[in-house]
Amino acid sequence: MHSPTHRRHSRRTLVTAPLAAALATGTLLTAGAVTDGAPARATEVIHVSNPAQLKSALAAAEPGDNIQLADGTYSGNFKTTADGRSSSRITLIGSSKAVLTAGGGYGLHLNEASYWTVKGITVTGGQKGIMMDGANGVVIDSVTVHGLDMEGVHFRKSSKDGVIKNSRIYDTGNNNRGMGEGVYVGTANTLADKSDNVRILDNTIGPDVGGEAIDLKEGTTGGVVSGNTFDGRGLTGNNYDDSWIDVKGNNYVVENNTGKNTTNNGFEVHTQKPGWGCGTVFRGNRADLNGATGSGRYAIYVFNYSPSCKTTVSRSNTLTGGRGLVNPGVPVDD
């Protein structure tokens, strides 16, 4: 018997490139709209209902393709190296009942696979949930990630201009090694990983996340963390994870986030490498530090603050409980 391929055995619908782009972004194009000036080609809506079809679809995806997962359990590790284009993205979409379940390794691995949109699905059961390696312009939207040994979503190996939004991440770090961050950007102890301009927007992270909700590593720069809700219940204390966010990169904006249940501080800034951990702006964040028992208990704690490596803390940040808005020696701006 011939092994199934998604082109032969998956139900498909041909659509034009502009329509595929609209499907990928959720925005309909009006008549006469122009994408990138390239000739429109016939692309596919690829209907997938089993693991073999999904693996085949991921391997053979082309710009503009829309891979639609039926509800059900997809057991295995799923990987793609296929590139979309900024004007003709590849989309993987399903409901929260379309569940990628890994027995180890990565649930979904975008390996040098740029310009994908991953929307709606659930990823569980592996070492790590969704991994981007050298994958630019990836959008992760409205996914659920949980039940993992290590981190939930990781932008790594200079995965630039990524977005994770409207998603829920909880129950990570189950191997209890302190490597269970909800969202992890970059790589520790190196400046070579330039996963820059990652935006982390309107997610719910926690409880039972075995590391920081968000860890922004040295070497990365220019990201935005906005509108997220953190529940730190379940912080392990391993590897100094005692806050919702730890910023070690440069020029991040952290705004309008809400957190509760931390063991020590709400938001932290560290200088792990000279010249890094600089330029962070905190504004409009709300920290509930009731129940925190650590030595700090500040809404925002900046380690090694100096005027040459400035952190900007706005008075628009607020806290309940705890010792204070920011540790002594760090100015607060109006």
C-alpha atoms as a PDB file:
ATOM      1  CA  MET A   1       0.000   0.000   0.000  1.00  0.00           C
ATOM      2  CA  HIS A   2       1.274   3.478  -0.789  1.00  0.00           C
ATOM      3  CA  SER A   3       2.025   5.620   2.244  1.00  0.00           C
ATOM      4  CA  PRO A   4      -0.430   8.557   2.446  1.00  0.00           C
ATOM      5  CA  THR A   5       0.651  12.045   1.438  1.00  0.00           C
ATOM      6  CA  HIS A   6      -1.298  15.159   2.180  1.00  0.00           C
ATOM      7  CA  ARG A   7      -1.540  16.095  -1.499  1.00  0.00           C
ATOM      8  CA  ARG A   8      -3.080  12.771  -2.413  1.00  0.00           C
ATOM      9  CA  HIS A   9      -5.155  11.827   0.599  1.00  0.00           C
ATOM     10  CA  SER A  10      -6.102  15.027   2.423  1.00  0.00           C
ATOM     11  CA  ARG A  11      -9.247  16.782   1.360  1.00  0.00           C
ATOM     12  CA  ARG A  12      -8.204  20.060  -0.230  1.00  0.00           C
ATOM     13  CA  THR A  13      -9.638  23.283  -1.582  1.00  0.00           C
ATOM     14  CA  LEU A  14      -7.807  25.524  -4.025  1.00  0.00           C
ATOM     15  CA  VAL A  15      -7.776  29.215  -3.183  1.00  0.00           C
ATOM     16  CA  THR A  16      -5.879  32.206  -4.539  1.00  0.00           C
ATOM     17  CA  ALA A  17      -2.901  33.679  -2.738  1.00  0.00           C
ATOM     18  CA  PRO A  18      -4.754  36.825  -1.532  1.00  0.00           C
ATOM     19  CA  LEU A  19      -7.510  34.685  -0.022  1.00  0.00           C
ATOM     20  CA  ALA A  20      -4.942  32.444   1.626  1.00  0.00           C
ATOM     21  CA  ALA A  21      -3.318  35.505   3.165  1.00  0.00           C
ATOM     22  CA  ALA A  22      -6.695  36.639   4.459  1.00  0.00           C
ATOM     23  CA  LEU A  23      -7.291  33.236   6.010  1.00  0.00           C
ATOM     24  CA  ALA A  24      -3.867  33.328   7.644  1.00  0.00           C
ATOM     25  CA  THR A  25      -4.329  36.731   9.248  1.00  0.00           C
ATOM     26  CA  GLY A  26      -8.080  36.651   9.793  1.00  0.00           C
ATOM     27  CA  THR A  27      -8.461  39.769   7.638  1.00  0.00           C
ATOM     28  CA  LEU A  28     -10.433  39.707   4.413  1.00  0.00           C
ATOM     29  CA  LEU A  29      -8.911  41.544   1.487  1.00  0.00           C
ATOM     30  CA  THR A  30     -11.069  43.898  -0.499  1.00  0.00           C
ATOM     31  CA  ALA A  31     -11.339  43.662  -4.249  1.00  0.00           C
ATOM     32  CA  GLY A  32      -8.280  44.935  -6.013  1.00  0.00           C
ATOM     33  CA  ALA A  33      -6.023  44.538  -2.966  1.00  0.00           C
ATOM     34  CA  VAL A  34      -2.371  43.946  -3.697  1.00  0.00           C
ATOM     35  CA  THR A  35      -0.129  41.661  -1.627  1.00  0.00           C
ATOM     36  CA  ASP A  36       3.543  41.671  -2.645  1.00  0.00           C
ATOM     37  CA  GLY A  37       3.161  42.236  -6.374  1.00  0.00           C
ATOM     38  CA  ALA A  38       3.911  38.592  -7.105  1.00  0.00           C
ATOM     39  CA  PRO A  39       1.559  36.714  -9.425  1.00  0.00           C
ATOM     40  CA  ALA A  40      -1.239  35.029  -7.510  1.00  0.00           C
ATOM     41  CA  ARG A  41      -0.890  31.261  -7.525  1.00  0.00           C
ATOM     42  CA  ALA A  42      -3.394  28.602  -6.595  1.00  0.00           C
ATOM     43  CA  THR A  43      -2.759  27.596  -2.996  1.00  0.00           C
ATOM     44  CA  GLU A  44      -4.422  25.064  -0.794  1.00  0.00           C
ATOM     45  CA  VAL A  45      -6.681  24.671   2.176  1.00  0.00           C
ATOM     46  CA  ILE A  46      -5.435  21.322   3.457  1.00  0.00           C
ATOM     47  CA  HIS A  47      -7.787  19.375   5.708  1.00  0.00           C
ATOM     48  CA  VAL A  48      -5.948  17.147   8.174  1.00  0.00           C
ATOM     49  CA  SER A  49      -7.432  14.571  10.534  1.00  0.00           C
ATOM     50  CA  ASN A  50      -4.610  12.233  11.619  1.00  0.00           C
ATOM     51  CA  PRO A  51      -0.931  12.440  12.615  1.00  0.00           C
ATOM     52  CA  ALA A  52       0.441  11.070   9.346  1.00  0.00           C
ATOM     53  CA  GLN A  53      -1.465  13.654   7.334  1.00  0.00           C
ATOM     54  CA  LEU A  54      -0.266  16.427   9.627  1.00  0.00           C
ATOM     55  CA  LYS A  55       3.388  15.413   9.303  1.00  0.00           C
ATOM     56  CA  SER A  56       3.040  15.263   5.534  1.00  0.00           C
ATOM     57  CA  ALA A  57       1.276  18.627   5.369  1.00  0.00           C
ATOM     58  CA  LEU A  58       3.956  20.296   7.501  1.00  0.00           C
ATOM     59  CA  ALA A  59       6.738  18.858   5.350  1.00  0.00           C
ATOM     60  CA  ALA A  60       5.191  19.903   2.033  1.00  0.00           C
ATOM     61  CA  ALA A  61       3.700  23.287   3.007  1.00  0.00           C
ATOM     62  CA  GLU A  62       4.122  26.185   0.588  1.00  0.00           C
ATOM     63  CA  PRO A  63       3.513  29.932   0.960  1.00  0.00           C
ATOM     64  CA  GLY A  64      -0.176  30.677   1.316  1.00  0.00           C
ATOM     65  CA  ASP A  65      -1.183  27.178   2.381  1.00  0.00           C
ATOM     66  CA  ASN A  66      -3.791  26.834   5.121  1.00  0.00           C
ATOM     67  CA  ILE A  67      -3.540  23.595   7.106  1.00  0.00           C
ATOM     68  CA  GLN A  68      -6.778  22.991   8.982  1.00  0.00           C
ATOM     69  CA  LEU A  69      -6.786  20.440  11.798  1.00  0.00           C
ATOM     70  CA  ALA A  70      -9.933  18.523  12.645  1.00  0.00           C
ATOM     71  CA  ASP A  71     -10.669  18.060  16.333  1.00  0.00           C
ATOM     72  CA  GLY A  72      -8.876  15.054  17.784  1.00  0.00           C
ATOM     73  CA  THR A  73      -5.568  13.877  19.247  1.00  0.00           C
ATOM     74  CA  TYR A  74      -2.409  14.033  17.123  1.00  0.00           C
ATOM     75  CA  SER A  75       0.231  11.936  18.859  1.00  0.00           C
ATOM     76  CA  GLY A  76       3.894  12.503  18.022  1.00  0.00           C
ATOM     77  CA  ASN A  77       6.461  15.231  17.457  1.00  0.00           C
ATOM     78  CA  PHE A  78       5.639  17.611  14.627  1.00  0.00           C
ATOM     79  CA  LYS A  79       8.250  19.596  12.726  1.00  0.00           C
ATOM     80  CA  THR A  80       8.496  21.769   9.625  1.00  0.00           C
ATOM     81  CA  THR A  81      11.293  23.480   7.729  1.00  0.00           C
ATOM     82  CA  ALA A  82       8.974  25.068   5.161  1.00  0.00           C
ATOM     83  CA  ASP A  83       9.073  28.857   4.750  1.00  0.00           C
ATOM     84  CA  GLY A  84       6.159  31.135   4.103  1.00  0.00           C
ATOM     85  CA  ARG A  85       6.530  34.727   2.956  1.00  0.00           C
ATOM     86  CA  SER A  86       5.688  37.924   4.761  1.00  0.00           C
ATOM     87  CA  SER A  87       2.899  38.536   2.221  1.00  0.00           C
ATOM     88  CA  SER A  88       1.892  34.881   1.858  1.00  0.00           C
ATOM     89  CA  ARG A  89       2.004  33.187   5.233  1.00  0.00           C
ATOM     90  CA  ILE A  90       1.506  29.508   5.988  1.00  0.00           C
ATOM     91  CA  THR A  91      -1.241  28.848   8.514  1.00  0.00           C
ATOM     92  CA  LEU A  92      -1.805  25.918  10.881  1.00  0.00           C
ATOM     93  CA  ILE A  93      -5.210  26.299  12.458  1.00  0.00           C
ATOM     94  CA  GLY A  94      -7.613  24.274  14.566  1.00  0.00           C
ATOM     95  CA  SER A  95      -9.764  24.522  17.647  1.00  0.00           C
ATOM     96  CA  SER A  96      -8.528  23.891  21.176  1.00  0.00           C
ATOM     97  CA  LYS A  97      -9.822  20.339  20.691  1.00  0.00           C
ATOM     98  CA  ALA A  98      -7.166  19.722  18.047  1.00  0.00           C
ATOM     99  CA  VAL A  99      -4.490  18.472  20.456  1.00  0.00           C
ATOM    100  CA  LEU A 100      -0.853  17.806  19.580  1.00  0.00           C
ATOM    101  CA  THR A 101       0.335  15.324  22.198  1.00  0.00           C
ATOM    102  CA  ALA A 102       4.045  14.525  22.377  1.00  0.00           C
ATOM    103  CA  GLY A 103       5.597  11.781  24.449  1.00  0.00           C
ATOM    104  CA  GLY A 104       8.827  13.800  24.730  1.00  0.00           C
ATOM    105  CA  GLY A 105      10.809  16.278  22.656  1.00  0.00           C
ATOM    106  CA  TYR A 106       9.032  19.234  21.048  1.00  0.00           C
ATOM    107  CA  GLY A 107       5.323  19.251  20.394  1.00  0.00           C
ATOM    108  CA  LEU A 108       5.609  21.615  17.408  1.00  0.00           C
ATOM    109  CA  HIS A 109       8.997  22.671  16.024  1.00  0.00           C
ATOM    110  CA  LEU A 110       9.295  25.458  13.444  1.00  0.00           C
ATOM    111  CA  ASN A 111      12.904  24.901  12.408  1.00  0.00           C
ATOM    112  CA  GLU A 112      14.041  27.774  10.179  1.00  0.00           C
ATOM    113  CA  ALA A 113      10.413  27.950   9.097  1.00  0.00           C
ATOM    114  CA  SER A 114       9.501  31.632   8.861  1.00  0.00           C
ATOM    115  CA  TYR A 115       6.159  33.400   8.403  1.00  0.00           C
ATOM    116  CA  TRP A 116       3.861  30.830   9.917  1.00  0.00           C
ATOM    117  CA  THR A 117       0.655  31.532  11.826  1.00  0.00           C
ATOM    118  CA  VAL A 118      -0.271  28.878  14.394  1.00  0.00           C
ATOM    119  CA  LYS A 119      -3.761  29.426  15.720  1.00  0.00           C
ATOM    120  CA  GLY A 120      -6.219  27.858  18.113  1.00  0.00           C
ATOM    121  CA  ILE A 121      -4.650  24.451  18.747  1.00  0.00           C
ATOM    122  CA  THR A 122      -3.521  22.774  21.984  1.00  0.00           C
ATOM    123  CA  VAL A 123       0.027  21.438  22.514  1.00  0.00           C
ATOM    124  CA  THR A 124       0.796  19.178  25.465  1.00  0.00           C
ATOM    125  CA  GLY A 125       2.805  16.278  26.793  1.00  0.00           C
ATOM    126  CA  GLY A 126       6.344  16.911  25.529  1.00  0.00           C
ATOM    127  CA  GLN A 127       9.597  18.301  26.792  1.00  0.00           C
ATOM    128  CA  LYS A 128       8.777  21.701  25.245  1.00  0.00           C
ATOM    129  CA  GLY A 129       5.580  22.933  23.650  1.00  0.00           C
ATOM    130  CA  ILE A 130       6.156  25.194  20.635  1.00  0.00           C
ATOM    131  CA  MET A 131       9.758  25.846  19.578  1.00  0.00           C
ATOM    132  CA  MET A 132      10.958  28.398  17.024  1.00  0.00           C
ATOM    133  CA  ASP A 133      14.543  28.004  15.810  1.00  0.00           C
ATOM    134  CA  GLY A 134      15.721  30.622  13.323  1.00  0.00           C
ATOM    135  CA  ALA A 135      12.089  31.218  12.376  1.00  0.00           C
ATOM    136  CA  ASN A 136      11.208  34.856  11.653  1.00  0.00           C
ATOM    137  CA  GLY A 137       7.807  36.490  11.709  1.00  0.00           C
ATOM    138  CA  VAL A 138       5.984  33.603  13.400  1.00  0.00           C
ATOM    139  CA  VAL A 139       2.584  34.445  14.909  1.00  0.00           C
ATOM    140  CA  ILE A 140       1.163  32.189  17.617  1.00  0.00           C
ATOM    141  CA  ASP A 141      -2.437  33.098  18.348  1.00  0.00           C
ATOM    142  CA  SER A 142      -5.033  31.725  20.774  1.00  0.00           C
ATOM    143  CA  VAL A 143      -3.222  28.457  21.496  1.00  0.00           C
ATOM    144  CA  THR A 144      -3.233  26.425  24.704  1.00  0.00           C
ATOM    145  CA  VAL A 145       0.079  24.985  25.917  1.00  0.00           C
ATOM    146  CA  HIS A 146       0.327  22.842  29.057  1.00  0.00           C
ATOM    147  CA  GLY A 147       1.554  19.625  30.631  1.00  0.00           C
ATOM    148  CA  LEU A 148       5.262  19.956  29.749  1.00  0.00           C
ATOM    149  CA  ASP A 149       8.565  18.980  31.314  1.00  0.00           C
ATOM    150  CA  MET A 150      10.209  22.281  30.360  1.00  0.00           C
ATOM    151  CA  GLU A 151       9.129  25.615  28.829  1.00  0.00           C
ATOM    152  CA  GLY A 152       5.916  26.312  26.985  1.00  0.00           C
ATOM    153  CA  VAL A 153       6.883  28.529  24.017  1.00  0.00           C
ATOM    154  CA  HIS A 154      10.473  29.332  23.022  1.00  0.00           C
ATOM    155  CA  PHE A 155      11.777  31.818  20.441  1.00  0.00           C
ATOM    156  CA  ARG A 156      15.387  30.708  19.885  1.00  0.00           C
ATOM    157  CA  LYS A 157      18.354  30.920  17.469  1.00  0.00           C
ATOM    158  CA  SER A 158      17.581  34.494  16.363  1.00  0.00           C
ATOM    159  CA  SER A 159      13.875  34.015  15.704  1.00  0.00           C
ATOM    160  CA  LYS A 160      13.043  37.665  15.041  1.00  0.00           C
ATOM    161  CA  ASP A 161       9.762  39.581  14.891  1.00  0.00           C
ATOM    162  CA  GLY A 162       7.685  36.837  16.482  1.00  0.00           C
ATOM    163  CA  VAL A 163       4.328  37.249  18.221  1.00  0.00           C
ATOM    164  CA  ILE A 164       2.516  35.179  20.810  1.00  0.00           C
ATOM    165  CA  LYS A 165      -0.905  36.536  21.716  1.00  0.00           C
ATOM    166  CA  ASN A 166      -4.277  35.643  23.206  1.00  0.00           C
ATOM    167  CA  SER A 167      -2.915  32.320  24.434  1.00  0.00           C
ATOM    168  CA  ARG A 168      -2.979  30.282  27.639  1.00  0.00           C
ATOM    169  CA  ILE A 169       0.124  28.612  29.084  1.00  0.00           C
ATOM    170  CA  TYR A 170       0.132  26.636  32.338  1.00  0.00           C
ATOM    171  CA  ASP A 171       1.479  23.487  34.014  1.00  0.00           C
ATOM    172  CA  THR A 172       5.059  23.576  32.712  1.00  0.00           C
ATOM    173  CA  GLY A 173       8.427  22.629  34.207  1.00  0.00           C
ATOM    174  CA  ASN A 174       7.200  19.288  35.442  1.00  0.00           C
ATOM    175  CA  ASN A 175      10.716  17.831  35.633  1.00  0.00           C
ATOM    176  CA  ASN A 176      11.273  20.327  38.494  1.00  0.00           C
ATOM    177  CA  ARG A 177      14.599  21.574  37.126  1.00  0.00           C
ATOM    178  CA  GLY A 178      13.486  25.221  37.010  1.00  0.00           C
ATOM    179  CA  MET A 179      13.298  25.194  33.218  1.00  0.00           C
ATOM    180  CA  GLY A 180       9.572  25.608  32.906  1.00  0.00           C
ATOM    181  CA  GLU A 181       9.222  29.213  31.730  1.00  0.00           C
ATOM    182  CA  GLY A 182       5.942  30.057  30.057  1.00  0.00           C
ATOM    183  CA  VAL A 183       7.549  32.095  27.242  1.00  0.00           C
ATOM    184  CA  TYR A 184      11.318  32.036  26.761  1.00  0.00           C
ATOM    185  CA  VAL A 185      13.072  34.425  24.385  1.00  0.00           C
ATOM    186  CA  GLY A 186      16.720  33.820  23.458  1.00  0.00           C
ATOM    187  CA  THR A 187      19.384  31.593  25.004  1.00  0.00           C
ATOM    188  CA  ALA A 188      21.149  31.852  28.348  1.00  0.00           C
ATOM    189  CA  ASN A 189      24.819  32.792  28.600  1.00  0.00           C
ATOM    190  CA  THR A 190      25.301  33.884  25.007  1.00  0.00           C
ATOM    191  CA  LEU A 191      24.854  37.066  22.983  1.00  0.00           C
ATOM    192  CA  ALA A 192      24.657  35.177  19.688  1.00  0.00           C
ATOM    193  CA  ASP A 193      20.919  34.491  19.925  1.00  0.00           C
ATOM    194  CA  LYS A 194      19.310  37.675  18.626  1.00  0.00           C
ATOM    195  CA  SER A 195      15.644  36.760  18.902  1.00  0.00           C
ATOM    196  CA  ASP A 196      14.725  40.429  18.637  1.00  0.00           C
ATOM    197  CA  ASN A 197      11.431  42.307  18.513  1.00  0.00           C
ATOM    198  CA  VAL A 198       9.313  39.505  19.960  1.00  0.00           C
ATOM    199  CA  ARG A 199       5.883  40.677  21.119  1.00  0.00           C
ATOM    200  CA  ILE A 200       4.102  38.866  23.955  1.00  0.00           C
ATOM    201  CA  LEU A 201       0.552  40.188  24.051  1.00  0.00           C
ATOM    202  CA  ASP A 202      -2.633  39.520  26.024  1.00  0.00           C
ATOM    203  CA  ASN A 203      -1.788  36.013  27.216  1.00  0.00           C
ATOM    204  CA  THR A 204      -2.705  34.219  30.433  1.00  0.00           C
ATOM    205  CA  ILE A 205       0.341  32.474  31.890  1.00  0.00           C
ATOM    206  CA  GLY A 206       0.098  30.256  34.984  1.00  0.00           C
ATOM    207  CA  PRO A 207      -0.549  28.765  37.390  1.00  0.00           C
ATOM    208  CA  ASP A 208       1.910  25.910  37.892  1.00  0.00           C
ATOM    209  CA  VAL A 209       4.555  27.373  35.592  1.00  0.00           C
ATOM    210  CA  GLY A 210       7.817  26.011  36.980  1.00  0.00           C
ATOM    211  CA  GLY A 211       9.901  29.049  36.004  1.00  0.00           C
ATOM    212  CA  GLU A 212       9.205  32.701  35.271  1.00  0.00           C
ATOM    213  CA  ALA A 213       6.105  33.365  33.214  1.00  0.00           C
ATOM    214  CA  ILE A 214       8.401  35.211  30.778  1.00  0.00           C
ATOM    215  CA  ASP A 215      12.205  35.091  30.546  1.00  0.00           C
ATOM    216  CA  LEU A 216      13.876  37.586  28.183  1.00  0.00           C
ATOM    217  CA  LYS A 217      17.508  36.615  27.725  1.00  0.00           C
ATOM    218  CA  GLU A 218      20.677  38.640  27.225  1.00  0.00           C
ATOM    219  CA  GLY A 219      21.420  39.176  23.548  1.00  0.00           C
ATOM    220  CA  THR A 220      17.776  39.894  22.680  1.00  0.00           C
ATOM    221  CA  THR A 221      16.378  43.375  22.228  1.00  0.00           C
ATOM    222  CA  GLY A 222      13.401  45.498  21.344  1.00  0.00           C
ATOM    223  CA  GLY A 223      10.489  43.319  22.432  1.00  0.00           C
ATOM    224  CA  VAL A 224       7.116  44.236  23.938  1.00  0.00           C
ATOM    225  CA  VAL A 225       5.338  42.475  26.816  1.00  0.00           C
ATOM    226  CA  SER A 226       1.842  43.922  27.110  1.00  0.00           C
ATOM    227  CA  GLY A 227      -1.580  43.083  28.482  1.00  0.00           C
ATOM    228  CA  ASN A 228      -0.684  39.699  29.982  1.00  0.00           C
ATOM    229  CA  THR A 229      -2.062  38.118  33.145  1.00  0.00           C
ATOM    230  CA  PHE A 230       0.291  36.114  35.368  1.00  0.00           C
ATOM    231  CA  ASP A 231      -0.433  33.648  38.162  1.00  0.00           C
ATOM    232  CA  GLY A 232       2.835  32.635  39.814  1.00  0.00           C
ATOM    233  CA  ARG A 233       1.391  29.873  41.966  1.00  0.00           C
ATOM    234  CA  GLY A 234       3.773  26.962  41.480  1.00  0.00           C
ATOM    235  CA  LEU A 235       7.070  28.858  41.128  1.00  0.00           C
ATOM    236  CA  THR A 236       9.735  26.347  42.146  1.00  0.00           C
ATOM    237  CA  GLY A 237      12.523  28.669  43.242  1.00  0.00           C
ATOM    238  CA  ASN A 238      14.998  26.712  41.108  1.00  0.00           C
ATOM    239  CA  ASN A 239      17.457  28.813  39.097  1.00  0.00           C
ATOM    240  CA  TYR A 240      16.287  31.941  40.978  1.00  0.00           C
ATOM    241  CA  ASP A 241      12.832  31.941  39.436  1.00  0.00           C
ATOM    242  CA  ASP A 242      11.057  34.173  41.931  1.00  0.00           C
ATOM    243  CA  SER A 243       9.193  36.679  39.731  1.00  0.00           C
ATOM    244  CA  TRP A 244       6.758  36.742  36.814  1.00  0.00           C
ATOM    245  CA  ILE A 245       9.140  38.378  34.352  1.00  0.00           C
ATOM    246  CA  ASP A 246      12.930  38.442  34.262  1.00  0.00           C
ATOM    247  CA  VAL A 247      14.417  40.906  31.764  1.00  0.00           C
ATOM    248  CA  LYS A 248      18.052  40.372  30.807  1.00  0.00           C
ATOM    249  CA  GLY A 249      17.858  41.796  27.272  1.00  0.00           C
ATOM    250  CA  ASN A 250      17.829  45.426  26.149  1.00  0.00           C
ATOM    251  CA  ASN A 251      15.173  47.997  25.285  1.00  0.00           C
ATOM    252  CA  TYR A 252      12.063  46.050  26.226  1.00  0.00           C
ATOM    253  CA  VAL A 253       8.704  47.667  26.954  1.00  0.00           C
ATOM    254  CA  VAL A 254       6.746  45.956  29.751  1.00  0.00           C
ATOM    255  CA  GLU A 255       3.324  47.530  30.101  1.00  0.00           C
ATOM    256  CA  ASN A 256      -0.222  46.945  31.325  1.00  0.00           C
ATOM    257  CA  ASN A 257       0.410  43.477  32.732  1.00  0.00           C
ATOM    258  CA  THR A 258      -1.245  42.070  35.861  1.00  0.00           C
ATOM    259  CA  GLY A 259       0.302  39.534  38.235  1.00  0.00           C
ATOM    260  CA  LYS A 260      -0.491  37.684  41.427  1.00  0.00           C
ATOM    261  CA  ASN A 261       1.059  34.889  43.518  1.00  0.00           C
ATOM    262  CA  THR A 262       4.787  35.474  43.369  1.00  0.00           C
ATOM    263  CA  THR A 263       7.335  34.178  45.856  1.00  0.00           C
ATOM    264  CA  ASN A 264       9.397  37.379  45.927  1.00  0.00           C
ATOM    265  CA  ASN A 265       9.257  40.215  43.372  1.00  0.00           C
ATOM    266  CA  GLY A 266       6.848  40.904  40.550  1.00  0.00           C
ATOM    267  CA  PHE A 267       9.152  41.994  37.710  1.00  0.00           C
ATOM    268  CA  GLU A 268      12.953  41.814  37.695  1.00  0.00           C
ATOM    269  CA  VAL A 269      15.818  43.180  35.594  1.00  0.00           C
ATOM    270  CA  HIS A 270      19.237  41.504  35.644  1.00  0.00           C
ATOM    271  CA  THR A 271      22.596  42.271  34.053  1.00  0.00           C
ATOM    272  CA  GLN A 272      23.920  38.844  33.107  1.00  0.00           C
ATOM    273  CA  LYS A 273      26.407  40.240  30.565  1.00  0.00           C
ATOM    274  CA  PRO A 274      28.045  43.695  30.571  1.00  0.00           C
ATOM    275  CA  GLY A 275      25.893  46.179  28.684  1.00  0.00           C
ATOM    276  CA  TRP A 276      22.755  44.055  28.908  1.00  0.00           C
ATOM    277  CA  GLY A 277      19.634  44.385  31.014  1.00  0.00           C
ATOM    278  CA  CYS A 278      19.458  48.037  29.919  1.00  0.00           C
ATOM    279  CA  GLY A 279      16.702  50.278  28.593  1.00  0.00           C
ATOM    280  CA  THR A 280      13.638  48.472  29.935  1.00  0.00           C
ATOM    281  CA  VAL A 281      10.509  50.610  30.357  1.00  0.00           C
ATOM    282  CA  PHE A 282       7.862  49.579  32.904  1.00  0.00           C
ATOM    283  CA  ARG A 283       4.501  51.342  32.805  1.00  0.00           C
ATOM    284  CA  GLY A 284       0.909  50.575  33.765  1.00  0.00           C
ATOM    285  CA  ASN A 285       1.664  47.208  35.378  1.00  0.00           C
ATOM    286  CA  ARG A 286      -0.329  45.973  38.376  1.00  0.00           C
ATOM    287  CA  ALA A 287       1.377  43.738  40.931  1.00  0.00           C
ATOM    288  CA  ASP A 288      -0.336  41.872  43.756  1.00  0.00           C
ATOM    289  CA  LEU A 289       2.438  40.840  46.155  1.00  0.00           C
ATOM    290  CA  ASN A 290       0.207  39.540  48.928  1.00  0.00           C
ATOM    291  CA  GLY A 291       1.679  36.286  50.205  1.00  0.00           C
ATOM    292  CA  ALA A 292       5.196  36.916  48.887  1.00  0.00           C
ATOM    293  CA  THR A 293       7.815  35.881  51.426  1.00  0.00           C
ATOM    294  CA  GLY A 294      11.147  36.573  49.688  1.00  0.00           C
ATOM    295  CA  SER A 295      13.754  39.072  50.736  1.00  0.00           C
ATOM    296  CA  GLY A 296      12.711  41.705  48.189  1.00  0.00           C
ATOM    297  CA  ARG A 297       8.936  41.863  47.779  1.00  0.00           C
ATOM    298  CA  TYR A 298       9.039  44.794  45.339  1.00  0.00           C
ATOM    299  CA  ALA A 299       6.749  45.170  42.353  1.00  0.00           C
ATOM    300  CA  ILE A 300       9.845  45.908  40.238  1.00  0.00           C
ATOM    301  CA  TYR A 301      13.369  44.978  41.318  1.00  0.00           C
ATOM    302  CA  VAL A 302      16.306  46.216  39.236  1.00  0.00           C
ATOM    303  CA  PHE A 303      19.613  44.538  40.029  1.00  0.00           C
ATOM    304  CA  ASN A 304      22.771  46.604  39.456  1.00  0.00           C
ATOM    305  CA  TYR A 305      20.937  49.774  38.392  1.00  0.00           C
ATOM    306  CA  SER A 306      23.138  52.542  36.979  1.00  0.00           C
ATOM    307  CA  PRO A 307      22.501  55.688  34.908  1.00  0.00           C
ATOM    308  CA  SER A 308      24.531  54.145  32.088  1.00  0.00           C
ATOM    309  CA  CYS A 309      22.258  51.081  32.065  1.00  0.00           C
ATOM    310  CA  LYS A 310      18.955  52.705  32.824  1.00  0.00           C
ATOM    311  CA  THR A 311      15.600  51.180  33.653  1.00  0.00           C
ATOM    312  CA  THR A 312      12.590  53.494  33.426  1.00  0.00           C
ATOM    313  CA  VAL A 313       9.869  52.894  36.015  1.00  0.00           C
ATOM    314  CA  SER A 314       6.686  54.935  35.631  1.00  0.00           C
ATOM    315  CA  ARG A 315       4.523  55.940  38.538  1.00  0.00           C
ATOM    316  CA  SER A 316       1.625  54.411  36.586  1.00  0.00           C
ATOM    317  CA  ASN A 317       2.740  51.000  37.883  1.00  0.00           C
ATOM    318  CA  THR A 318       0.820  49.970  40.996  1.00  0.00           C
ATOM    319  CA  LEU A 319       1.094  47.335  43.689  1.00  0.00           C
ATOM    320  CA  THR A 320      -0.902  45.700  46.442  1.00  0.00           C
ATOM    321  CA  GLY A 321       0.996  44.355  49.432  1.00  0.00           C
ATOM    322  CA  GLY A 322       4.755  43.997  49.343  1.00  0.00           C
ATOM    323  CA  ARG A 323       7.450  46.406  50.386  1.00  0.00           C
ATOM    324  CA  GLY A 324       7.340  49.009  47.651  1.00  0.00           C
ATOM    325  CA  LEU A 325       7.000  49.826  43.987  1.00  0.00           C
ATOM    326  CA  VAL A 326      10.719  49.590  43.203  1.00  0.00           C
ATOM    327  CA  ASN A 327      13.889  48.818  45.183  1.00  0.00           C
ATOM    328  CA  PRO A 328      15.850  51.766  46.662  1.00  0.00           C
ATOM    329  CA  GLY A 329      18.119  53.635  44.302  1.00  0.00           C
ATOM    330  CA  VAL A 330      15.924  53.244  41.237  1.00  0.00           C
ATOM    331  CA  PRO A 331      14.110  56.475  40.308  1.00  0.00           C
ATOM    332  CA  VAL A 332      10.393  56.579  39.593  1.00  0.00           C
ATOM    333  CA  ASP A 333       9.241  58.799  36.737  1.00  0.00           C
ATOM    334  CA  ASP A 334       5.944  60.674  36.588  1.00  0.00           C
END
